[in-house]
Amino acid sequence: MRQIAEALGVSKAALYYHFKDKEELLLAILDSYLDEMEADLARIQGEHTSARQRVQTLVKIILSQPAEQRAVIRLSSQEMAHLSEPARQAFNSAYHRKFINHIVSILQAGMSSGELRRMDANVATWALLGMMYPYFYPAHSSDLPPAMEVAERLADIYLDGLAIS
């Protein structure tokens, strides 16, 4: 908390005035990120474009975020074990409602329209996120090609696979 207060140029007391503890601060950071993602995902869902274009836009939006912002997704999974049970349940509910369920809906719409092969949309969602996961580590980002260079290729591999048809 001291380091955060110093980085913000405020006292620890000022930080504790707004957040009772580290858990509350972490949840505020995660919730803020989820609100931003929910707005982006809702916009993608409202677009009158192909399923392919919606998936490409989704990947580009996530990978165009600064590495530190993308790291929030990784941070959330790493820190869940340290949260109280009520906080963990509340975050998990918000995570699915504001993030995962929107991606599932985007993929289900593509499946319903016949643009994407029918399968379990939850599995397809986690496969997509899994492909992007290396880009959620700021420290590893320097070892990988720039995220925006890769965004379209990742979307293509996800949508078309690697096999030659």
N, C-alpha and C. Protein backbone atom coordinates (compact mmCIF):
# COMPACT_ATOMS: atom_id res chain seq x y z
N MET A 1 0.83 -1.18 0.00
CA MET A 1 0.00 0.00 0.00
C MET A 1 0.89 1.26 0.00
N ARG A 2 2.01 1.17 0.70
CA ARG A 2 2.93 2.31 0.73
C ARG A 2 3.43 2.63 -0.68
N GLN A 3 3.82 1.60 -1.43
CA GLN A 3 4.33 1.81 -2.78
C GLN A 3 3.24 2.40 -3.70
N ILE A 4 2.04 1.92 -3.56
CA ILE A 4 0.93 2.45 -4.37
C ILE A 4 0.69 3.90 -4.01
N ALA A 5 0.66 4.20 -2.72
CA ALA A 5 0.45 5.59 -2.28
C ALA A 5 1.55 6.49 -2.82
N GLU A 6 2.80 6.03 -2.75
CA GLU A 6 3.91 6.83 -3.27
C GLU A 6 3.77 7.06 -4.77
N ALA A 7 3.40 6.01 -5.50
CA ALA A 7 3.25 6.13 -6.95
C ALA A 7 2.14 7.12 -7.32
N LEU A 8 1.12 7.19 -6.47
CA LEU A 8 0.00 8.10 -6.71
C LEU A 8 0.25 9.49 -6.16
N GLY A 9 1.30 9.62 -5.36
CA GLY A 9 1.60 10.92 -4.76
C GLY A 9 0.64 11.29 -3.64
N VAL A 10 0.15 10.27 -2.93
CA VAL A 10 -0.75 10.49 -1.79
C VAL A 10 -0.20 9.76 -0.58
N SER A 11 -0.76 10.04 0.56
CA SER A 11 -0.33 9.33 1.77
C SER A 11 -1.05 7.99 1.85
N LYS A 12 -0.48 7.08 2.64
CA LYS A 12 -1.16 5.80 2.88
C LYS A 12 -2.52 6.04 3.51
N ALA A 13 -2.60 7.04 4.39
CA ALA A 13 -3.88 7.35 5.05
C ALA A 13 -4.93 7.75 4.01
N ALA A 14 -4.52 8.53 3.01
CA ALA A 14 -5.46 8.92 1.96
C ALA A 14 -5.93 7.71 1.17
N LEU A 15 -5.01 6.78 0.92
CA LEU A 15 -5.38 5.57 0.20
C LEU A 15 -6.35 4.74 1.02
N TYR A 16 -6.06 4.61 2.32
CA TYR A 16 -6.95 3.85 3.20
C TYR A 16 -8.29 4.56 3.42
N TYR A 17 -8.35 5.84 3.17
CA TYR A 17 -9.62 6.56 3.26
C TYR A 17 -10.58 6.05 2.18
N HIS A 18 -10.03 5.73 1.03
CA HIS A 18 -10.85 5.27 -0.10
C HIS A 18 -11.01 3.75 -0.15
N PHE A 19 -10.02 3.02 0.35
CA PHE A 19 -10.05 1.55 0.30
C PHE A 19 -9.66 1.03 1.68
N LYS A 20 -10.52 0.19 2.26
CA LYS A 20 -10.26 -0.26 3.63
C LYS A 20 -9.05 -1.19 3.73
N ASP A 21 -8.74 -1.92 2.61
CA ASP A 21 -7.60 -2.82 2.64
C ASP A 21 -7.17 -3.15 1.21
N LYS A 22 -6.15 -3.98 1.10
CA LYS A 22 -5.61 -4.36 -0.21
C LYS A 22 -6.65 -5.09 -1.05
N GLU A 23 -7.44 -5.92 -0.40
CA GLU A 23 -8.46 -6.68 -1.12
C GLU A 23 -9.45 -5.74 -1.80
N GLU A 24 -9.90 -4.75 -1.08
CA GLU A 24 -10.86 -3.80 -1.64
C GLU A 24 -10.24 -3.02 -2.81
N LEU A 25 -8.98 -2.65 -2.68
CA LEU A 25 -8.28 -1.95 -3.76
C LEU A 25 -8.16 -2.85 -4.98
N LEU A 26 -7.74 -4.10 -4.78
CA LEU A 26 -7.62 -5.04 -5.89
C LEU A 26 -8.97 -5.22 -6.59
N LEU A 27 -10.02 -5.40 -5.82
CA LEU A 27 -11.34 -5.58 -6.41
C LEU A 27 -11.78 -4.35 -7.20
N ALA A 28 -11.43 -3.17 -6.72
CA ALA A 28 -11.77 -1.94 -7.45
C ALA A 28 -11.02 -1.89 -8.78
N ILE A 29 -9.76 -2.27 -8.78
CA ILE A 29 -8.97 -2.30 -10.02
C ILE A 29 -9.57 -3.30 -11.01
N LEU A 30 -9.86 -4.50 -10.51
CA LEU A 30 -10.43 -5.54 -11.37
C LEU A 30 -11.80 -5.14 -11.90
N ASP A 31 -12.63 -4.56 -11.05
CA ASP A 31 -13.97 -4.16 -11.47
C ASP A 31 -13.91 -3.04 -12.51
N SER A 32 -12.99 -2.12 -12.34
CA SER A 32 -12.83 -1.04 -13.31
C SER A 32 -12.45 -1.60 -14.68
N TYR A 33 -11.51 -2.55 -14.68
CA TYR A 33 -11.11 -3.19 -15.92
C TYR A 33 -12.29 -3.92 -16.57
N LEU A 34 -13.03 -4.66 -15.76
CA LEU A 34 -14.18 -5.40 -16.29
C LEU A 34 -15.23 -4.47 -16.86
N ASP A 35 -15.44 -3.31 -16.24
CA ASP A 35 -16.40 -2.33 -16.78
C ASP A 35 -15.97 -1.86 -18.16
N GLU A 36 -14.67 -1.59 -18.32
CA GLU A 36 -14.16 -1.16 -19.63
C GLU A 36 -14.34 -2.27 -20.67
N MET A 37 -13.98 -3.50 -20.29
CA MET A 37 -14.12 -4.61 -21.21
C MET A 37 -15.58 -4.87 -21.57
N GLU A 38 -16.45 -4.76 -20.59
CA GLU A 38 -17.88 -4.97 -20.86
C GLU A 38 -18.38 -3.98 -21.89
N ALA A 39 -17.98 -2.73 -21.78
CA ALA A 39 -18.41 -1.71 -22.76
C ALA A 39 -17.89 -2.05 -24.15
N ASP A 40 -16.61 -2.46 -24.24
CA ASP A 40 -16.04 -2.84 -25.54
C ASP A 40 -16.76 -4.06 -26.12
N LEU A 41 -17.00 -5.05 -25.28
CA LEU A 41 -17.64 -6.28 -25.75
C LEU A 41 -19.09 -6.04 -26.17
N ALA A 42 -19.78 -5.19 -25.43
CA ALA A 42 -21.17 -4.85 -25.81
C ALA A 42 -21.19 -4.14 -27.16
N ARG A 43 -20.20 -3.28 -27.38
CA ARG A 43 -20.11 -2.58 -28.67
C ARG A 43 -19.86 -3.58 -29.79
N ILE A 44 -18.95 -4.54 -29.57
CA ILE A 44 -18.67 -5.57 -30.58
C ILE A 44 -19.93 -6.38 -30.87
N GLN A 45 -20.66 -6.74 -29.82
CA GLN A 45 -21.89 -7.53 -30.00
C GLN A 45 -22.92 -6.77 -30.81
N GLY A 46 -22.93 -5.46 -30.71
CA GLY A 46 -23.91 -4.64 -31.43
C GLY A 46 -23.53 -4.35 -32.86
N GLU A 47 -22.30 -4.67 -33.25
CA GLU A 47 -21.86 -4.40 -34.61
C GLU A 47 -22.55 -5.34 -35.59
N HIS A 48 -22.85 -4.81 -36.74
CA HIS A 48 -23.46 -5.62 -37.81
C HIS A 48 -22.36 -6.05 -38.76
N THR A 49 -21.49 -6.92 -38.24
CA THR A 49 -20.36 -7.44 -39.00
C THR A 49 -20.38 -8.96 -38.91
N SER A 50 -19.48 -9.57 -39.63
CA SER A 50 -19.41 -11.03 -39.60
C SER A 50 -18.84 -11.50 -38.25
N ALA A 51 -19.06 -12.77 -37.97
CA ALA A 51 -18.50 -13.36 -36.75
C ALA A 51 -16.98 -13.25 -36.77
N ARG A 52 -16.39 -13.47 -37.93
CA ARG A 52 -14.94 -13.36 -38.08
C ARG A 52 -14.47 -11.96 -37.69
N GLN A 53 -15.14 -10.94 -38.18
CA GLN A 53 -14.75 -9.57 -37.88
C GLN A 53 -14.93 -9.26 -36.39
N ARG A 54 -15.99 -9.79 -35.78
CA ARG A 54 -16.20 -9.55 -34.35
C ARG A 54 -15.08 -10.20 -33.52
N VAL A 55 -14.68 -11.42 -33.89
CA VAL A 55 -13.59 -12.08 -33.17
C VAL A 55 -12.29 -11.31 -33.38
N GLN A 56 -12.03 -10.89 -34.62
CA GLN A 56 -10.81 -10.11 -34.88
C GLN A 56 -10.81 -8.81 -34.08
N THR A 57 -11.94 -8.14 -34.02
CA THR A 57 -12.03 -6.90 -33.25
C THR A 57 -11.79 -7.17 -31.77
N LEU A 58 -12.36 -8.24 -31.25
CA LEU A 58 -12.16 -8.62 -29.85
C LEU A 58 -10.67 -8.82 -29.54
N VAL A 59 -10.00 -9.60 -30.37
CA VAL A 59 -8.57 -9.86 -30.15
C VAL A 59 -7.78 -8.56 -30.25
N LYS A 60 -8.09 -7.73 -31.24
CA LYS A 60 -7.36 -6.47 -31.41
C LYS A 60 -7.58 -5.53 -30.22
N ILE A 61 -8.80 -5.47 -29.71
CA ILE A 61 -9.08 -4.60 -28.56
C ILE A 61 -8.27 -5.05 -27.34
N ILE A 62 -8.28 -6.34 -27.08
CA ILE A 62 -7.55 -6.84 -25.91
C ILE A 62 -6.04 -6.65 -26.09
N LEU A 63 -5.53 -7.01 -27.26
CA LEU A 63 -4.08 -6.94 -27.45
C LEU A 63 -3.58 -5.51 -27.71
N SER A 64 -4.48 -4.59 -27.99
CA SER A 64 -4.04 -3.20 -28.18
C SER A 64 -3.92 -2.47 -26.84
N GLN A 65 -4.40 -3.08 -25.78
CA GLN A 65 -4.26 -2.48 -24.45
C GLN A 65 -2.79 -2.51 -24.05
N PRO A 66 -2.36 -1.52 -23.28
CA PRO A 66 -0.98 -1.58 -22.76
C PRO A 66 -0.79 -2.89 -22.00
N ALA A 67 0.43 -3.42 -22.04
CA ALA A 67 0.72 -4.72 -21.39
C ALA A 67 0.30 -4.73 -19.93
N GLU A 68 0.48 -3.61 -19.23
CA GLU A 68 0.11 -3.55 -17.82
C GLU A 68 -1.39 -3.69 -17.64
N GLN A 69 -2.16 -3.16 -18.59
CA GLN A 69 -3.62 -3.28 -18.50
C GLN A 69 -4.05 -4.71 -18.81
N ARG A 70 -3.46 -5.33 -19.83
CA ARG A 70 -3.77 -6.73 -20.14
C ARG A 70 -3.42 -7.62 -18.97
N ALA A 71 -2.41 -7.24 -18.20
CA ALA A 71 -1.96 -8.05 -17.07
C ALA A 71 -3.03 -8.18 -15.99
N VAL A 72 -4.03 -7.31 -16.02
CA VAL A 72 -5.11 -7.38 -15.03
C VAL A 72 -5.83 -8.73 -15.13
N ILE A 73 -5.98 -9.26 -16.34
CA ILE A 73 -6.63 -10.56 -16.52
C ILE A 73 -5.82 -11.64 -15.81
N ARG A 74 -4.51 -11.64 -16.01
CA ARG A 74 -3.63 -12.61 -15.37
C ARG A 74 -3.62 -12.40 -13.86
N LEU A 75 -3.53 -11.15 -13.45
CA LEU A 75 -3.51 -10.82 -12.03
C LEU A 75 -4.75 -11.36 -11.32
N SER A 76 -5.89 -11.22 -11.97
CA SER A 76 -7.12 -11.69 -11.34
C SER A 76 -7.06 -13.19 -11.06
N SER A 77 -6.56 -13.97 -11.99
CA SER A 77 -6.51 -15.41 -11.77
C SER A 77 -5.47 -15.77 -10.71
N GLN A 78 -4.37 -15.04 -10.66
CA GLN A 78 -3.33 -15.34 -9.69
C GLN A 78 -3.72 -14.95 -8.26
N GLU A 79 -4.48 -13.90 -8.12
CA GLU A 79 -4.79 -13.38 -6.79
C GLU A 79 -6.08 -13.93 -6.19
N MET A 80 -6.85 -14.69 -6.94
CA MET A 80 -8.13 -15.19 -6.42
C MET A 80 -7.95 -15.99 -5.13
N ALA A 81 -6.90 -16.77 -5.04
CA ALA A 81 -6.70 -17.60 -3.85
C ALA A 81 -6.47 -16.77 -2.59
N HIS A 82 -6.08 -15.52 -2.76
CA HIS A 82 -5.78 -14.66 -1.62
C HIS A 82 -6.98 -13.84 -1.16
N LEU A 83 -8.07 -13.91 -1.89
CA LEU A 83 -9.26 -13.14 -1.53
C LEU A 83 -10.14 -13.92 -0.56
N SER A 84 -10.94 -13.20 0.20
CA SER A 84 -11.92 -13.85 1.06
C SER A 84 -12.94 -14.55 0.17
N GLU A 85 -13.60 -15.53 0.71
CA GLU A 85 -14.59 -16.29 -0.08
C GLU A 85 -15.69 -15.38 -0.65
N PRO A 86 -16.28 -14.48 0.14
CA PRO A 86 -17.31 -13.59 -0.44
C PRO A 86 -16.75 -12.71 -1.57
N ALA A 87 -15.53 -12.22 -1.40
CA ALA A 87 -14.93 -11.39 -2.44
C ALA A 87 -14.65 -12.21 -3.69
N ARG A 88 -14.17 -13.43 -3.50
CA ARG A 88 -13.89 -14.32 -4.64
C ARG A 88 -15.16 -14.62 -5.41
N GLN A 89 -16.24 -14.91 -4.70
CA GLN A 89 -17.51 -15.20 -5.36
C GLN A 89 -18.05 -13.98 -6.10
N ALA A 90 -17.93 -12.82 -5.48
CA ALA A 90 -18.41 -11.59 -6.11
C ALA A 90 -17.61 -11.28 -7.37
N PHE A 91 -16.27 -11.42 -7.28
CA PHE A 91 -15.46 -11.17 -8.46
C PHE A 91 -15.75 -12.18 -9.55
N ASN A 92 -15.83 -13.45 -9.20
CA ASN A 92 -16.09 -14.50 -10.20
C ASN A 92 -17.40 -14.24 -10.92
N SER A 93 -18.41 -13.83 -10.19
CA SER A 93 -19.70 -13.51 -10.79
C SER A 93 -19.56 -12.34 -11.76
N ALA A 94 -18.88 -11.28 -11.34
CA ALA A 94 -18.69 -10.11 -12.20
C ALA A 94 -17.83 -10.46 -13.41
N TYR A 95 -16.81 -11.26 -13.22
CA TYR A 95 -15.91 -11.67 -14.30
C TYR A 95 -16.69 -12.40 -15.39
N HIS A 96 -17.56 -13.30 -14.99
CA HIS A 96 -18.35 -14.02 -15.98
C HIS A 96 -19.41 -13.12 -16.61
N ARG A 97 -20.08 -12.32 -15.81
CA ARG A 97 -21.16 -11.47 -16.31
C ARG A 97 -20.63 -10.38 -17.25
N LYS A 98 -19.51 -9.77 -16.91
CA LYS A 98 -19.01 -8.62 -17.65
C LYS A 98 -18.01 -8.98 -18.75
N PHE A 99 -17.43 -10.17 -18.69
CA PHE A 99 -16.35 -10.51 -19.63
C PHE A 99 -16.62 -11.83 -20.34
N ILE A 100 -16.55 -12.92 -19.62
CA ILE A 100 -16.66 -14.25 -20.24
C ILE A 100 -17.98 -14.43 -20.98
N ASN A 101 -19.10 -14.09 -20.35
CA ASN A 101 -20.40 -14.32 -20.98
C ASN A 101 -20.56 -13.53 -22.27
N HIS A 102 -19.94 -12.35 -22.36
CA HIS A 102 -20.01 -11.57 -23.60
C HIS A 102 -19.24 -12.27 -24.73
N ILE A 103 -18.08 -12.81 -24.40
CA ILE A 103 -17.32 -13.53 -25.42
C ILE A 103 -18.08 -14.77 -25.86
N VAL A 104 -18.64 -15.49 -24.89
CA VAL A 104 -19.46 -16.67 -25.21
C VAL A 104 -20.60 -16.26 -26.15
N SER A 105 -21.26 -15.15 -25.86
CA SER A 105 -22.38 -14.69 -26.71
C SER A 105 -21.92 -14.33 -28.11
N ILE A 106 -20.76 -13.68 -28.22
CA ILE A 106 -20.23 -13.34 -29.54
C ILE A 106 -20.00 -14.62 -30.36
N LEU A 107 -19.41 -15.62 -29.73
CA LEU A 107 -19.14 -16.88 -30.42
C LEU A 107 -20.43 -17.65 -30.71
N GLN A 108 -21.38 -17.65 -29.77
CA GLN A 108 -22.66 -18.34 -29.99
C GLN A 108 -23.42 -17.71 -31.16
N ALA A 109 -23.35 -16.39 -31.28
CA ALA A 109 -24.03 -15.72 -32.39
C ALA A 109 -23.42 -16.18 -33.72
N GLY A 110 -22.11 -16.31 -33.76
CA GLY A 110 -21.46 -16.81 -34.97
C GLY A 110 -21.83 -18.26 -35.27
N MET A 111 -22.00 -19.05 -34.24
CA MET A 111 -22.41 -20.44 -34.41
C MET A 111 -23.86 -20.51 -34.90
N SER A 112 -24.71 -19.68 -34.32
CA SER A 112 -26.12 -19.66 -34.70
C SER A 112 -26.32 -19.21 -36.14
N SER A 113 -25.47 -18.29 -36.59
CA SER A 113 -25.61 -17.78 -37.97
C SER A 113 -24.98 -18.73 -38.98
N GLY A 114 -24.28 -19.77 -38.50
CA GLY A 114 -23.64 -20.72 -39.39
C GLY A 114 -22.25 -20.28 -39.84
N GLU A 115 -21.77 -19.17 -39.32
CA GLU A 115 -20.42 -18.70 -39.69
C GLU A 115 -19.33 -19.46 -38.96
N LEU A 116 -19.64 -19.93 -37.76
CA LEU A 116 -18.69 -20.69 -36.96
C LEU A 116 -19.24 -22.09 -36.73
N ARG A 117 -18.33 -23.05 -36.64
CA ARG A 117 -18.73 -24.43 -36.38
C ARG A 117 -19.35 -24.52 -34.99
N ARG A 118 -20.44 -25.28 -34.89
CA ARG A 118 -21.10 -25.45 -33.60
C ARG A 118 -20.23 -26.30 -32.67
N MET A 119 -20.08 -25.78 -31.45
CA MET A 119 -19.34 -26.50 -30.40
C MET A 119 -19.70 -25.83 -29.09
N ASP A 120 -19.12 -26.29 -28.02
CA ASP A 120 -19.35 -25.68 -26.72
C ASP A 120 -18.70 -24.29 -26.74
N ALA A 121 -19.51 -23.25 -26.67
CA ALA A 121 -19.00 -21.87 -26.76
C ALA A 121 -18.13 -21.51 -25.56
N ASN A 122 -18.34 -22.16 -24.42
CA ASN A 122 -17.48 -21.91 -23.27
C ASN A 122 -16.06 -22.42 -23.54
N VAL A 123 -15.96 -23.62 -24.10
CA VAL A 123 -14.65 -24.18 -24.44
C VAL A 123 -13.98 -23.30 -25.49
N ALA A 124 -14.75 -22.85 -26.48
CA ALA A 124 -14.21 -21.99 -27.53
C ALA A 124 -13.72 -20.66 -26.96
N THR A 125 -14.42 -20.14 -25.96
CA THR A 125 -14.02 -18.89 -25.31
C THR A 125 -12.69 -19.06 -24.60
N TRP A 126 -12.57 -20.12 -23.81
CA TRP A 126 -11.33 -20.34 -23.06
C TRP A 126 -10.17 -20.66 -24.00
N ALA A 127 -10.45 -21.30 -25.14
CA ALA A 127 -9.39 -21.56 -26.13
C ALA A 127 -8.87 -20.23 -26.69
N LEU A 128 -9.78 -19.33 -26.99
CA LEU A 128 -9.38 -18.02 -27.51
C LEU A 128 -8.56 -17.25 -26.49
N LEU A 129 -9.03 -17.21 -25.26
CA LEU A 129 -8.28 -16.51 -24.21
C LEU A 129 -6.93 -17.17 -23.97
N GLY A 130 -6.90 -18.50 -24.04
CA GLY A 130 -5.64 -19.23 -23.86
C GLY A 130 -4.60 -18.87 -24.91
N MET A 131 -5.04 -18.63 -26.13
CA MET A 131 -4.11 -18.23 -27.19
C MET A 131 -3.52 -16.85 -26.90
N MET A 132 -4.28 -16.00 -26.24
CA MET A 132 -3.81 -14.65 -25.96
C MET A 132 -3.04 -14.55 -24.65
N TYR A 133 -3.13 -15.58 -23.82
CA TYR A 133 -2.59 -15.52 -22.47
C TYR A 133 -1.12 -15.09 -22.39
N PRO A 134 -0.24 -15.56 -23.28
CA PRO A 134 1.16 -15.10 -23.18
C PRO A 134 1.29 -13.57 -23.25
N TYR A 135 0.34 -12.92 -23.87
CA TYR A 135 0.38 -11.46 -23.99
C TYR A 135 -0.18 -10.75 -22.76
N PHE A 136 -0.60 -11.51 -21.75
CA PHE A 136 -1.09 -10.93 -20.50
C PHE A 136 0.03 -10.78 -19.48
N TYR A 137 1.26 -11.11 -19.86
CA TYR A 137 2.43 -11.01 -18.98
C TYR A 137 3.33 -9.88 -19.47
N PRO A 138 3.33 -8.75 -18.79
CA PRO A 138 4.20 -7.65 -19.25
C PRO A 138 5.66 -8.05 -19.35
N ALA A 139 6.15 -8.86 -18.44
CA ALA A 139 7.56 -9.25 -18.45
C ALA A 139 7.90 -10.12 -19.65
N HIS A 140 6.94 -10.91 -20.13
CA HIS A 140 7.18 -11.78 -21.28
C HIS A 140 6.96 -11.07 -22.60
N SER A 141 6.29 -9.94 -22.57
CA SER A 141 5.93 -9.26 -23.81
C SER A 141 7.14 -8.89 -24.64
N SER A 142 8.27 -8.62 -24.00
CA SER A 142 9.46 -8.24 -24.76
C SER A 142 10.01 -9.42 -25.55
N ASP A 143 9.70 -10.65 -25.14
CA ASP A 143 10.18 -11.84 -25.84
C ASP A 143 9.27 -12.23 -27.01
N LEU A 144 8.12 -11.59 -27.12
CA LEU A 144 7.15 -11.93 -28.14
C LEU A 144 7.06 -10.82 -29.18
N PRO A 145 6.59 -11.15 -30.39
CA PRO A 145 6.38 -10.08 -31.36
C PRO A 145 5.36 -9.08 -30.81
N PRO A 146 5.39 -7.84 -31.27
CA PRO A 146 4.42 -6.85 -30.78
C PRO A 146 2.99 -7.37 -30.91
N ALA A 147 2.20 -7.14 -29.89
CA ALA A 147 0.86 -7.69 -29.80
C ALA A 147 -0.01 -7.35 -31.01
N MET A 148 0.06 -6.11 -31.48
CA MET A 148 -0.82 -5.74 -32.60
C MET A 148 -0.39 -6.41 -33.89
N GLU A 149 0.89 -6.73 -34.02
CA GLU A 149 1.34 -7.48 -35.20
C GLU A 149 0.74 -8.88 -35.18
N VAL A 150 0.53 -9.39 -34.00
CA VAL A 150 0.10 -10.77 -33.83
C VAL A 150 -1.42 -10.90 -33.78
N ALA A 151 -2.13 -9.85 -33.44
CA ALA A 151 -3.58 -9.93 -33.21
C ALA A 151 -4.33 -10.57 -34.37
N GLU A 152 -4.07 -10.11 -35.57
CA GLU A 152 -4.80 -10.66 -36.71
C GLU A 152 -4.40 -12.11 -36.97
N ARG A 153 -3.12 -12.41 -36.80
CA ARG A 153 -2.67 -13.80 -37.01
C ARG A 153 -3.28 -14.74 -35.97
N LEU A 154 -3.36 -14.29 -34.72
CA LEU A 154 -3.99 -15.12 -33.67
C LEU A 154 -5.45 -15.37 -34.00
N ALA A 155 -6.15 -14.32 -34.42
CA ALA A 155 -7.56 -14.48 -34.77
C ALA A 155 -7.70 -15.44 -35.95
N ASP A 156 -6.82 -15.34 -36.94
CA ASP A 156 -6.88 -16.24 -38.09
C ASP A 156 -6.62 -17.69 -37.68
N ILE A 157 -5.59 -17.90 -36.84
CA ILE A 157 -5.30 -19.27 -36.38
C ILE A 157 -6.48 -19.80 -35.58
N TYR A 158 -7.06 -18.97 -34.74
CA TYR A 158 -8.21 -19.39 -33.94
C TYR A 158 -9.38 -19.77 -34.85
N LEU A 159 -9.65 -18.94 -35.84
CA LEU A 159 -10.82 -19.15 -36.69
C LEU A 159 -10.60 -20.22 -37.76
N ASP A 160 -9.38 -20.34 -38.28
CA ASP A 160 -9.12 -21.23 -39.41
C ASP A 160 -8.26 -22.43 -39.06
N GLY A 161 -7.60 -22.41 -37.91
CA GLY A 161 -6.68 -23.48 -37.56
C GLY A 161 -5.39 -23.37 -38.37
N LEU A 162 -4.57 -24.35 -38.26
CA LEU A 162 -3.29 -24.36 -38.96
C LEU A 162 -3.28 -25.28 -40.18
N ALA A 163 -4.29 -26.11 -40.28
CA ALA A 163 -4.32 -27.08 -41.37
C ALA A 163 -4.58 -26.41 -42.72
N ILE A 164 -3.99 -26.95 -43.74
CA ILE A 164 -4.25 -26.47 -45.10
C ILE A 164 -5.49 -27.19 -45.59
N SER A 165 -6.46 -26.42 -46.03
CA SER A 165 -7.72 -27.07 -46.45
C SER A 165 -7.69 -27.50 -47.88
